[in-house]
C-alpha atoms as a PDB file:
ATOM      1  CA  MET A   1     -11.294  11.990  -0.290  1.00  0.00           C
ATOM      2  CA  TYR A   2     -10.548  14.007   2.803  1.00  0.00           C
ATOM      3  CA  ALA A   3      -7.405  15.983   3.546  1.00  0.00           C
ATOM      4  CA  ALA A   4      -4.606  13.653   4.580  1.00  0.00           C
ATOM      5  CA  THR A   5      -3.727  13.320   8.242  1.00  0.00           C
ATOM      6  CA  SER A   6      -0.151  12.658   9.229  1.00  0.00           C
ATOM      7  CA  PRO A   7       0.543   9.613  11.435  1.00  0.00           C
ATOM      8  CA  SER A   8       1.791  11.825  14.249  1.00  0.00           C
ATOM      9  CA  LYS A   9      -1.396  13.840  14.126  1.00  0.00           C
ATOM     10  CA  ALA A  10      -3.577  10.734  14.033  1.00  0.00           C
ATOM     11  CA  THR A  11      -1.996   9.296  17.187  1.00  0.00           C
ATOM     12  CA  LYS A  12      -1.842  12.519  19.148  1.00  0.00           C
ATOM     13  CA  VAL A  13      -3.817  12.477  22.397  1.00  0.00           C
ATOM     14  CA  LEU A  14      -5.999  15.558  22.682  1.00  0.00           C
ATOM     15  CA  ARG A  15      -6.818  16.898  26.133  1.00  0.00           C
ATOM     16  CA  PHE A  16      -9.608  19.358  26.745  1.00  0.00           C
ATOM     17  CA  PRO A  17     -11.204  20.858  29.855  1.00  0.00           C
ATOM     18  CA  ALA A  18     -13.953  18.632  31.227  1.00  0.00           C
ATOM     19  CA  ASN A  19     -16.745  20.802  29.799  1.00  0.00           C
ATOM     20  CA  ALA A  20     -15.122  21.471  26.410  1.00  0.00           C
ATOM     21  CA  VAL A  21     -16.598  20.306  23.124  1.00  0.00           C
ATOM     22  CA  HIS A  22     -14.942  18.817  20.041  1.00  0.00           C
ATOM     23  CA  GLY A  23     -17.080  19.461  16.985  1.00  0.00           C
ATOM     24  CA  VAL A  24     -16.352  17.846  13.611  1.00  0.00           C
ATOM     25  CA  ALA A  25     -17.647  18.535  10.101  1.00  0.00           C
ATOM     26  CA  ARG A  26     -16.176  16.554   7.191  1.00  0.00           C
ATOM     27  CA  ILE A  27     -17.700  17.100   3.774  1.00  0.00           C
ATOM     28  CA  GLY A  28     -16.526  15.365   0.606  1.00  0.00           C
ATOM     29  CA  TYR A  29     -17.816  15.854  -2.931  1.00  0.00           C
ATOM     30  CA  ALA A  30     -17.319  13.575  -5.945  1.00  0.00           C
ATOM     31  CA  HIS A  31     -17.957  14.192  -9.645  1.00  0.00           C
ATOM     32  CA  ASN A  32     -19.759  11.516 -11.652  1.00  0.00           C
ATOM     33  CA  HIS A  33     -21.453  11.647 -15.059  1.00  0.00           C
ATOM     34  CA  GLY A  34     -21.138  15.418 -15.248  1.00  0.00           C
ATOM     35  CA  THR A  35     -22.642  16.085 -11.813  1.00  0.00           C
ATOM     36  CA  THR A  36     -21.083  16.963  -8.461  1.00  0.00           C
ATOM     37  CA  ARG A  37     -22.630  14.946  -5.629  1.00  0.00           C
ATOM     38  CA  LEU A  38     -22.060  14.541  -1.929  1.00  0.00           C
ATOM     39  CA  ALA A  39     -19.781  11.514  -1.422  1.00  0.00           C
ATOM     40  CA  GLY A  40     -18.948  11.620   2.266  1.00  0.00           C
ATOM     41  CA  LEU A  41     -20.247  13.304   5.390  1.00  0.00           C
ATOM     42  CA  GLU A  42     -19.265  13.152   9.047  1.00  0.00           C
ATOM     43  CA  GLN A  43     -20.610  15.506  11.673  1.00  0.00           C
ATOM     44  CA  ARG A  44     -20.215  15.654  15.416  1.00  0.00           C
ATOM     45  CA  SER A  45     -22.037  18.026  17.740  1.00  0.00           C
ATOM     46  CA  PRO A  46     -22.015  20.969  18.012  1.00  0.00           C
ATOM     47  CA  LEU A  47     -21.262  21.154  14.274  1.00  0.00           C
ATOM     48  CA  ARG A  48     -24.023  20.260  11.834  1.00  0.00           C
ATOM     49  CA  VAL A  49     -24.080  20.391   8.040  1.00  0.00           C
ATOM     50  CA  LEU A  50     -27.188  21.498   6.158  1.00  0.00           C
ATOM     51  CA  PHE A  51     -27.782  21.402   2.412  1.00  0.00           C
ATOM     52  CA  PRO A  52     -29.951  24.349   1.321  1.00  0.00           C
ATOM     53  CA  ASN A  53     -31.194  24.430  -2.245  1.00  0.00           C
ATOM     54  CA  PRO A  54     -28.732  26.499  -4.290  1.00  0.00           C
ATOM     55  CA  ALA A  55     -29.869  29.305  -6.531  1.00  0.00           C
ATOM     56  CA  THR A  56     -30.646  28.339 -10.104  1.00  0.00           C
ATOM     57  CA  GLY A  57     -27.422  27.926 -12.047  1.00  0.00           C
ATOM     58  CA  ASP A  58     -25.231  27.897  -8.952  1.00  0.00           C
ATOM     59  CA  LEU A  59     -23.161  25.203  -7.252  1.00  0.00           C
ATOM     60  CA  PRO A  60     -24.112  22.459  -4.786  1.00  0.00           C
ATOM     61  CA  LEU A  61     -24.235  24.183  -1.400  1.00  0.00           C
ATOM     62  CA  ALA A  62     -23.350  22.984   2.100  1.00  0.00           C
ATOM     63  CA  ALA A  63     -23.866  25.174   5.178  1.00  0.00           C
ATOM     64  CA  ILE A  64     -21.916  24.540   8.384  1.00  0.00           C
ATOM     65  CA  VAL A  65     -23.834  25.362  11.571  1.00  0.00           C
ATOM     66  CA  ASN A  66     -22.481  25.618  15.117  1.00  0.00           C
ATOM     67  CA  THR A  67     -25.515  24.667  17.212  1.00  0.00           C
ATOM     68  CA  SER A  68     -23.838  25.786  20.459  1.00  0.00           C
ATOM     69  CA  GLY A  69     -24.018  29.438  19.424  1.00  0.00           C
ATOM     70  CA  GLY A  70     -20.309  30.073  19.900  1.00  0.00           C
ATOM     71  CA  ILE A  71     -17.056  28.650  21.226  1.00  0.00           C
ATOM     72  CA  VAL A  72     -15.272  29.068  24.559  1.00  0.00           C
ATOM     73  CA  GLY A  73     -11.810  28.303  25.913  1.00  0.00           C
ATOM     74  CA  GLY A  74     -10.952  24.638  25.505  1.00  0.00           C
ATOM     75  CA  ASP A  75     -13.382  24.002  22.630  1.00  0.00           C
ATOM     76  CA  ARG A  76     -12.131  22.596  19.347  1.00  0.00           C
ATOM     77  CA  LEU A  77     -13.751  22.557  15.910  1.00  0.00           C
ATOM     78  CA  ASP A  78     -12.377  20.419  13.054  1.00  0.00           C
ATOM     79  CA  ILE A  79     -13.610  21.210   9.543  1.00  0.00           C
ATOM     80  CA  CYS A  80     -12.449  19.116   6.557  1.00  0.00           C
ATOM     81  CA  LEU A  81     -13.558  19.893   3.003  1.00  0.00           C
ATOM     82  CA  SER A  82     -12.678  18.036  -0.190  1.00  0.00           C
ATOM     83  CA  VAL A  83     -13.760  18.080  -3.813  1.00  0.00           C
ATOM     84  CA  ALA A  84     -12.734  15.266  -6.173  1.00  0.00           C
ATOM     85  CA  GLU A  85     -11.478  15.700  -9.728  1.00  0.00           C
ATOM     86  CA  GLY A  86     -13.797  17.719 -11.933  1.00  0.00           C
ATOM     87  CA  GLY A  87     -16.199  18.642  -9.118  1.00  0.00           C
ATOM     88  CA  SER A  88     -17.423  22.076  -8.050  1.00  0.00           C
ATOM     89  CA  ALA A  89     -18.986  23.031  -4.714  1.00  0.00           C
ATOM     90  CA  LEU A  90     -19.636  25.898  -2.325  1.00  0.00           C
ATOM     91  CA  VAL A  91     -19.323  25.423   1.448  1.00  0.00           C
ATOM     92  CA  ALA A  92     -20.470  28.346   3.577  1.00  0.00           C
ATOM     93  CA  ALA A  93     -20.777  29.274   7.230  1.00  0.00           C
ATOM     94  CA  GLN A  94     -24.435  29.575   8.229  1.00  0.00           C
ATOM     95  CA  ALA A  95     -23.826  32.516  10.568  1.00  0.00           C
ATOM     96  CA  ALA A  96     -21.125  34.527  12.299  1.00  0.00           C
ATOM     97  CA  GLU A  97     -19.001  32.573  14.796  1.00  0.00           C
ATOM     98  CA  LYS A  98     -18.718  34.033  18.290  1.00  0.00           C
ATOM     99  CA  VAL A  99     -15.590  33.438  20.373  1.00  0.00           C
ATOM    100  CA  TYR A 100     -16.404  34.138  24.014  1.00  0.00           C
ATOM    101  CA  ARG A 101     -14.125  35.351  26.801  1.00  0.00           C
ATOM    102  CA  SER A 102     -11.806  32.638  28.095  1.00  0.00           C
ATOM    103  CA  THR A 103     -10.637  32.054  31.653  1.00  0.00           C
ATOM    104  CA  GLY A 104      -7.286  30.861  30.272  1.00  0.00           C
ATOM    105  CA  ALA A 105      -7.677  27.977  27.833  1.00  0.00           C
ATOM    106  CA  ASP A 106      -7.411  28.491  24.075  1.00  0.00           C
ATOM    107  CA  CYS A 107     -10.136  27.481  21.659  1.00  0.00           C
ATOM    108  CA  ARG A 108      -8.996  25.922  18.390  1.00  0.00           C
ATOM    109  CA  ILE A 109     -10.376  25.775  14.877  1.00  0.00           C
ATOM    110  CA  GLU A 110      -8.591  23.405  12.489  1.00  0.00           C
ATOM    111  CA  VAL A 111      -9.563  23.663   8.813  1.00  0.00           C
ATOM    112  CA  ASP A 112      -8.300  21.169   6.207  1.00  0.00           C
ATOM    113  CA  ILE A 113      -9.135  21.687   2.530  1.00  0.00           C
ATOM    114  CA  GLU A 114      -8.267  19.465  -0.419  1.00  0.00           C
ATOM    115  CA  VAL A 115      -9.035  20.381  -4.035  1.00  0.00           C
ATOM    116  CA  ALA A 116      -8.328  17.766  -6.730  1.00  0.00           C
ATOM    117  CA  PRO A 117      -7.229  18.426 -10.342  1.00  0.00           C
ATOM    118  CA  GLY A 118      -9.870  20.235 -12.347  1.00  0.00           C
ATOM    119  CA  ALA A 119     -12.011  20.888  -9.250  1.00  0.00           C
ATOM    120  CA  TRP A 120     -13.383  24.173  -7.905  1.00  0.00           C
ATOM    121  CA  LEU A 121     -14.185  24.901  -4.266  1.00  0.00           C
ATOM    122  CA  GLU A 122     -15.443  27.999  -2.492  1.00  0.00           C
ATOM    123  CA  SER A 123     -15.057  28.114   1.292  1.00  0.00           C
ATOM    124  CA  LEU A 124     -17.152  31.142   2.189  1.00  0.00           C
ATOM    125  CA  PRO A 125     -16.922  32.453   5.768  1.00  0.00           C
ATOM    126  CA  GLN A 126     -19.008  34.781   7.815  1.00  0.00           C
ATOM    127  CA  GLU A 127     -17.508  36.912  10.571  1.00  0.00           C
ATOM    128  CA  THR A 128     -15.610  35.514  13.538  1.00  0.00           C
ATOM    129  CA  ILE A 129     -16.499  37.904  16.372  1.00  0.00           C
ATOM    130  CA  LEU A 130     -13.855  38.030  19.087  1.00  0.00           C
ATOM    131  CA  PHE A 131     -15.248  38.988  22.492  1.00  0.00           C
ATOM    132  CA  GLU A 132     -13.036  40.771  25.019  1.00  0.00           C
ATOM    133  CA  GLY A 133     -10.647  38.219  26.528  1.00  0.00           C
ATOM    134  CA  ALA A 134     -11.180  35.628  23.781  1.00  0.00           C
ATOM    135  CA  ARG A 135      -8.370  33.192  23.006  1.00  0.00           C
ATOM    136  CA  LEU A 136      -8.500  31.802  19.459  1.00  0.00           C
ATOM    137  CA  ARG A 137      -6.072  29.652  17.534  1.00  0.00           C
ATOM    138  CA  ARG A 138      -7.199  28.892  13.981  1.00  0.00           C
ATOM    139  CA  ARG A 139      -5.160  27.101  11.320  1.00  0.00           C
ATOM    140  CA  SER A 140      -6.248  26.568   7.711  1.00  0.00           C
ATOM    141  CA  ARG A 141      -4.239  23.917   5.825  1.00  0.00           C
ATOM    142  CA  ILE A 142      -4.927  23.775   2.109  1.00  0.00           C
ATOM    143  CA  GLU A 143      -3.831  21.463  -0.704  1.00  0.00           C
ATOM    144  CA  VAL A 144      -4.775  22.492  -4.242  1.00  0.00           C
ATOM    145  CA  ALA A 145      -3.726  20.151  -7.054  1.00  0.00           C
ATOM    146  CA  PRO A 146      -2.589  21.429 -10.466  1.00  0.00           C
ATOM    147  CA  ALA A 147      -5.599  22.660 -12.466  1.00  0.00           C
ATOM    148  CA  GLY A 148      -7.595  22.841  -9.220  1.00  0.00           C
ATOM    149  CA  ARG A 149      -8.969  26.186  -8.031  1.00  0.00           C
ATOM    150  CA  LEU A 150      -9.942  27.506  -4.617  1.00  0.00           C
ATOM    151  CA  LEU A 151     -11.552  30.684  -3.319  1.00  0.00           C
ATOM    152  CA  ALA A 152     -11.435  30.887   0.488  1.00  0.00           C
ATOM    153  CA  GLY A 153     -11.418  33.544   3.189  1.00  0.00           C
ATOM    154  CA  GLU A 154     -11.905  34.676   6.776  1.00  0.00           C
ATOM    155  CA  ILE A 155     -13.299  37.796   8.482  1.00  0.00           C
ATOM    156  CA  LEU A 156     -12.312  38.860  12.002  1.00  0.00           C
ATOM    157  CA  VAL A 157     -14.225  41.402  14.100  1.00  0.00           C
ATOM    158  CA  PHE A 158     -12.389  42.798  17.143  1.00  0.00           C
ATOM    159  CA  GLY A 159     -14.996  43.087  19.886  1.00  0.00           C
ATOM    160  CA  ARG A 160     -18.768  43.497  19.942  1.00  0.00           C
ATOM    161  CA  VAL A 161     -19.037  46.778  18.104  1.00  0.00           C
ATOM    162  CA  ALA A 162     -22.798  47.245  18.660  1.00  0.00           C
ATOM    163  CA  SER A 163     -22.227  46.930  22.416  1.00  0.00           C
ATOM    164  CA  GLY A 164     -19.344  49.380  22.432  1.00  0.00           C
ATOM    165  CA  GLU A 165     -16.883  46.637  23.343  1.00  0.00           C
ATOM    166  CA  ARG A 166     -13.289  46.656  22.099  1.00  0.00           C
ATOM    167  CA  LEU A 167     -10.900  43.748  22.072  1.00  0.00           C
ATOM    168  CA  THR A 168      -8.002  44.765  24.313  1.00  0.00           C
ATOM    169  CA  ARG A 169      -6.574  41.481  25.625  1.00  0.00           C
ATOM    170  CA  GLY A 170      -6.565  37.771  24.864  1.00  0.00           C
ATOM    171  CA  LEU A 171      -5.063  35.792  21.995  1.00  0.00           C
ATOM    172  CA  VAL A 172      -5.676  35.851  18.255  1.00  0.00           C
ATOM    173  CA  ARG A 173      -3.709  33.519  16.008  1.00  0.00           C
ATOM    174  CA  ASP A 174      -5.026  32.994  12.488  1.00  0.00           C
ATOM    175  CA  ALA A 175      -2.649  30.955  10.303  1.00  0.00           C
ATOM    176  CA  TRP A 176      -2.755  29.801   6.675  1.00  0.00           C
ATOM    177  CA  GLU A 177      -0.719  27.102   4.912  1.00  0.00           C
ATOM    178  CA  VAL A 178      -1.188  26.496   1.171  1.00  0.00           C
ATOM    179  CA  CYS A 179       0.422  23.550  -0.627  1.00  0.00           C
ATOM    180  CA  ARG A 180       0.579  22.601  -4.294  1.00  0.00           C
ATOM    181  CA  ASP A 181       1.781  19.146  -5.336  1.00  0.00           C
ATOM    182  CA  GLY A 182       2.564  18.498  -1.680  1.00  0.00           C
ATOM    183  CA  ARG A 183       4.918  21.489  -1.491  1.00  0.00           C
ATOM    184  CA  LEU A 184       4.289  24.451   0.795  1.00  0.00           C
ATOM    185  CA  VAL A 185       3.990  27.546  -1.417  1.00  0.00           C
ATOM    186  CA  TRP A 186       2.552  30.129   0.977  1.00  0.00           C
ATOM    187  CA  ALA A 187       2.258  30.451   4.739  1.00  0.00           C
ATOM    188  CA  ASP A 188       1.023  33.392   6.763  1.00  0.00           C
ATOM    189  CA  ALA A 189      -0.038  33.975  10.359  1.00  0.00           C
ATOM    190  CA  LEU A 190      -1.597  36.840  12.266  1.00  0.00           C
ATOM    191  CA  HIS A 191      -0.603  36.613  15.933  1.00  0.00           C
ATOM    192  CA  MET A 192      -1.648  39.049  18.667  1.00  0.00           C
ATOM    193  CA  GLU A 193      -1.475  38.281  22.379  1.00  0.00           C
ATOM    194  CA  ASP A 194      -1.818  40.047  25.734  1.00  0.00           C
ATOM    195  CA  ASP A 195      -1.868  43.800  24.952  1.00  0.00           C
ATOM    196  CA  ILE A 196      -3.936  43.513  21.786  1.00  0.00           C
ATOM    197  CA  ALA A 197      -5.257  47.066  22.202  1.00  0.00           C
ATOM    198  CA  ALA A 198      -1.802  48.492  21.454  1.00  0.00           C
ATOM    199  CA  VAL A 199      -1.507  46.539  18.196  1.00  0.00           C
ATOM    200  CA  LEU A 200      -4.992  47.487  17.046  1.00  0.00           C
ATOM    201  CA  ALA A 201      -4.328  51.170  17.821  1.00  0.00           C
ATOM    202  CA  ALA A 202      -0.860  51.418  16.212  1.00  0.00           C
ATOM    203  CA  PRO A 203      -0.877  53.474  12.973  1.00  0.00           C
ATOM    204  CA  ALA A 204       1.615  51.080  11.377  1.00  0.00           C
ATOM    205  CA  ALA A 205      -0.512  48.064  12.318  1.00  0.00           C
ATOM    206  CA  PHE A 206      -4.329  48.115  12.409  1.00  0.00           C
ATOM    207  CA  ALA A 207      -4.814  51.884  12.869  1.00  0.00           C
ATOM    208  CA  ASP A 208      -7.947  51.407  15.002  1.00  0.00           C
ATOM    209  CA  ALA A 209      -9.583  49.004  12.554  1.00  0.00           C
ATOM    210  CA  ARG A 210     -12.462  47.030  14.033  1.00  0.00           C
ATOM    211  CA  ALA A 211     -12.561  44.385  11.286  1.00  0.00           C
ATOM    212  CA  TYR A 212     -10.012  42.548   9.173  1.00  0.00           C
ATOM    213  CA  ALA A 213     -10.714  40.253   6.217  1.00  0.00           C
ATOM    214  CA  THR A 214      -8.638  37.961   4.018  1.00  0.00           C
ATOM    215  CA  ALA A 215      -9.505  36.209   0.760  1.00  0.00           C
ATOM    216  CA  ILE A 216      -7.219  33.879  -1.150  1.00  0.00           C
ATOM    217  CA  PHE A 217      -7.568  32.569  -4.688  1.00  0.00           C
ATOM    218  CA  VAL A 218      -5.380  29.583  -5.572  1.00  0.00           C
ATOM    219  CA  ALA A 219      -5.078  28.575  -9.226  1.00  0.00           C
ATOM    220  CA  ASP A 220      -2.607  28.023 -12.022  1.00  0.00           C
ATOM    221  CA  ASP A 221      -3.542  31.409 -13.495  1.00  0.00           C
ATOM    222  CA  ALA A 222      -3.821  33.376 -10.253  1.00  0.00           C
ATOM    223  CA  ALA A 223      -1.230  35.983 -11.307  1.00  0.00           C
ATOM    224  CA  SER A 224      -3.252  36.933 -14.391  1.00  0.00           C
ATOM    225  CA  ARG A 225      -6.193  37.863 -12.155  1.00  0.00           C
ATOM    226  CA  LEU A 226      -4.300  40.329  -9.969  1.00  0.00           C
ATOM    227  CA  ASN A 227      -5.342  43.560 -11.695  1.00  0.00           C
ATOM    228  CA  ALA A 228      -8.999  42.559 -11.667  1.00  0.00           C
ATOM    229  CA  ALA A 229      -8.717  41.511  -8.017  1.00  0.00           C
ATOM    230  CA  ARG A 230      -7.404  44.952  -7.064  1.00  0.00           C
ATOM    231  CA  GLU A 231     -10.358  46.583  -8.783  1.00  0.00           C
ATOM    232  CA  PHE A 232     -12.854  44.270  -7.072  1.00  0.00           C
ATOM    233  CA  ALA A 233     -11.261  44.934  -3.663  1.00  0.00           C
ATOM    234  CA  MET A 234     -11.543  48.725  -3.751  1.00  0.00           C
ATOM    235  CA  ARG A 235     -14.150  50.399  -1.558  1.00  0.00           C
ATOM    236  CA  ASP A 236     -14.279  53.938  -0.151  1.00  0.00           C
ATOM    237  CA  GLY A 237     -13.292  54.192   3.510  1.00  0.00           C
ATOM    238  CA  ILE A 238     -11.644  50.764   3.581  1.00  0.00           C
ATOM    239  CA  ARG A 239      -7.909  50.064   3.513  1.00  0.00           C
ATOM    240  CA  CYS A 240      -7.316  47.240   1.073  1.00  0.00           C
ATOM    241  CA  GLY A 241      -4.667  45.595  -1.026  1.00  0.00           C
ATOM    242  CA  ALA A 242      -4.004  42.567  -3.182  1.00  0.00           C
ATOM    243  CA  THR A 243      -0.856  40.740  -4.183  1.00  0.00           C
ATOM    244  CA  CYS A 244       0.122  37.452  -5.775  1.00  0.00           C
ATOM    245  CA  ILE A 245       2.774  35.002  -4.617  1.00  0.00           C
ATOM    246  CA  GLY A 246       3.184  32.224  -7.145  1.00  0.00           C
ATOM    247  CA  ASP A 247      -0.228  30.614  -7.599  1.00  0.00           C
ATOM    248  CA  VAL A 248      -1.751  32.287  -4.526  1.00  0.00           C
ATOM    249  CA  LEU A 249      -3.564  35.611  -4.897  1.00  0.00           C
ATOM    250  CA  ILE A 250      -4.181  37.308  -1.540  1.00  0.00           C
ATOM    251  CA  ALA A 251      -6.556  40.218  -0.884  1.00  0.00           C
ATOM    252  CA  ARG A 252      -7.026  41.943   2.471  1.00  0.00           C
ATOM    253  CA  TRP A 253      -9.214  44.642   4.022  1.00  0.00           C
ATOM    254  CA  LEU A 254      -9.065  46.758   7.199  1.00  0.00           C
ATOM    255  CA  GLY A 255     -11.804  49.098   8.330  1.00  0.00           C
ATOM    256  CA  PRO A 256     -13.460  50.802  11.308  1.00  0.00           C
ATOM    257  CA  ASP A 257     -16.923  49.497  10.391  1.00  0.00           C
ATOM    258  CA  PRO A 258     -17.342  45.688  10.221  1.00  0.00           C
ATOM    259  CA  LEU A 259     -20.399  46.041   7.978  1.00  0.00           C
ATOM    260  CA  GLU A 260     -18.401  48.029   5.435  1.00  0.00           C
ATOM    261  CA  VAL A 261     -15.587  45.463   5.511  1.00  0.00           C
ATOM    262  CA  ARG A 262     -18.170  42.717   5.000  1.00  0.00           C
ATOM    263  CA  ALA A 263     -19.649  44.610   2.034  1.00  0.00           C
ATOM    264  CA  ALA A 264     -16.207  45.053   0.460  1.00  0.00           C
ATOM    265  CA  PHE A 265     -15.506  41.354   0.967  1.00  0.00           C
ATOM    266  CA  GLU A 266     -18.819  40.461  -0.701  1.00  0.00           C
ATOM    267  CA  ASP A 267     -18.131  42.686  -3.704  1.00  0.00           C
ATOM    268  CA  TYR A 268     -14.744  41.078  -4.146  1.00  0.00           C
ATOM    269  CA  TRP A 269     -16.029  37.528  -3.766  1.00  0.00           C
ATOM    270  CA  THR A 270     -18.890  37.910  -6.236  1.00  0.00           C
ATOM    271  CA  GLY A 271     -16.608  39.550  -8.783  1.00  0.00           C
ATOM    272  CA  MET A 272     -13.935  36.883  -8.477  1.00  0.00           C
ATOM    273  CA  ARG A 273     -16.306  33.911  -8.718  1.00  0.00           C
ATOM    274  CA  GLN A 274     -17.877  35.355 -11.847  1.00  0.00           C
ATOM    275  CA  LEU A 275     -14.556  36.223 -13.472  1.00  0.00           C
ATOM    276  CA  THR A 276     -12.659  33.041 -12.669  1.00  0.00           C
ATOM    277  CA  ALA A 277     -15.402  30.390 -12.744  1.00  0.00           C
ATOM    278  CA  GLY A 278     -18.235  31.919 -14.759  1.00  0.00           C
ATOM    279  CA  LEU A 279     -20.582  31.654 -11.775  1.00  0.00           C
ATOM    280  CA  PRO A 280     -23.365  34.095 -10.836  1.00  0.00           C
ATOM    281  CA  ALA A 281     -22.127  37.294  -9.202  1.00  0.00           C
ATOM    282  CA  ALA A 282     -24.149  36.552  -6.079  1.00  0.00           C
ATOM    283  CA  LEU A 283     -23.805  34.819  -2.718  1.00  0.00           C
ATOM    284  CA  PRO A 284     -26.212  32.324  -1.121  1.00  0.00           C
ATOM    285  CA  ARG A 285     -29.296  33.671   0.659  1.00  0.00           C
ATOM    286  CA  LEU A 286     -27.884  32.621   4.036  1.00  0.00           C
ATOM    287  CA  TRP A 287     -25.168  35.279   3.623  1.00  0.00           C
ATOM    288  CA  HIS A 288     -27.898  37.946   3.706  1.00  0.00           C
ATOM    289  CA  ILE A 289     -29.994  36.564   6.577  1.00  0.00           C
END
């Protein structure tokens, strides 16, 4: 039911600073008699999983909460999501994740997603806010079976904009791996380290963007949705683009205002879920809180 773990990974000894935390959230959905139901749940502090009532006509909803209020160097969060054959579910972050300044150790977020044949899963993020000096390594490993469909994404904010803070140093590594039928079909990684200010300022890189968002749609018919995706992604004042590699449709945004990037991301997400799954063109209430 959950994403497979390799033997080498299962036997690996993890070492953290004495005060570090290792949060876990594993959520599995099954489909029986025409209804998607929760089939498995594991949670370890500081991660908790809540189940708000979904809007009428929408999917079963799980909300992942970090009760610690943020992550620091040495912390690790493991998130595993799975939906069995024929099921449909939405898993969302309850609030923005804050990554605090590190004295040297990296914090890690490991995301494993498995979507079975004929299943639909949305993994809806909120912003990851990178404080000055933060050190983040995040890896999202995804397996989508034939006839399965996934809509997933991430949003990065470089510094505490309301406080006038800019991210100038630290580490940001945000990596994706998408497999179909056990075969890697797309991999991508953003990596910035040490003099991050120079990369964010470079015209050929981030051009002073304060926020960066990615959304991926994985499906057998992803290529046929590319033109619509480009229309959904457009927003004045935001640099955006969309492309398709095999069965993976990727959209991205860069902008000076994190709220505008978030709004563009929302417009895209609601349009795509309605077009590709016939779902309401709306996001859960927790997105707007």
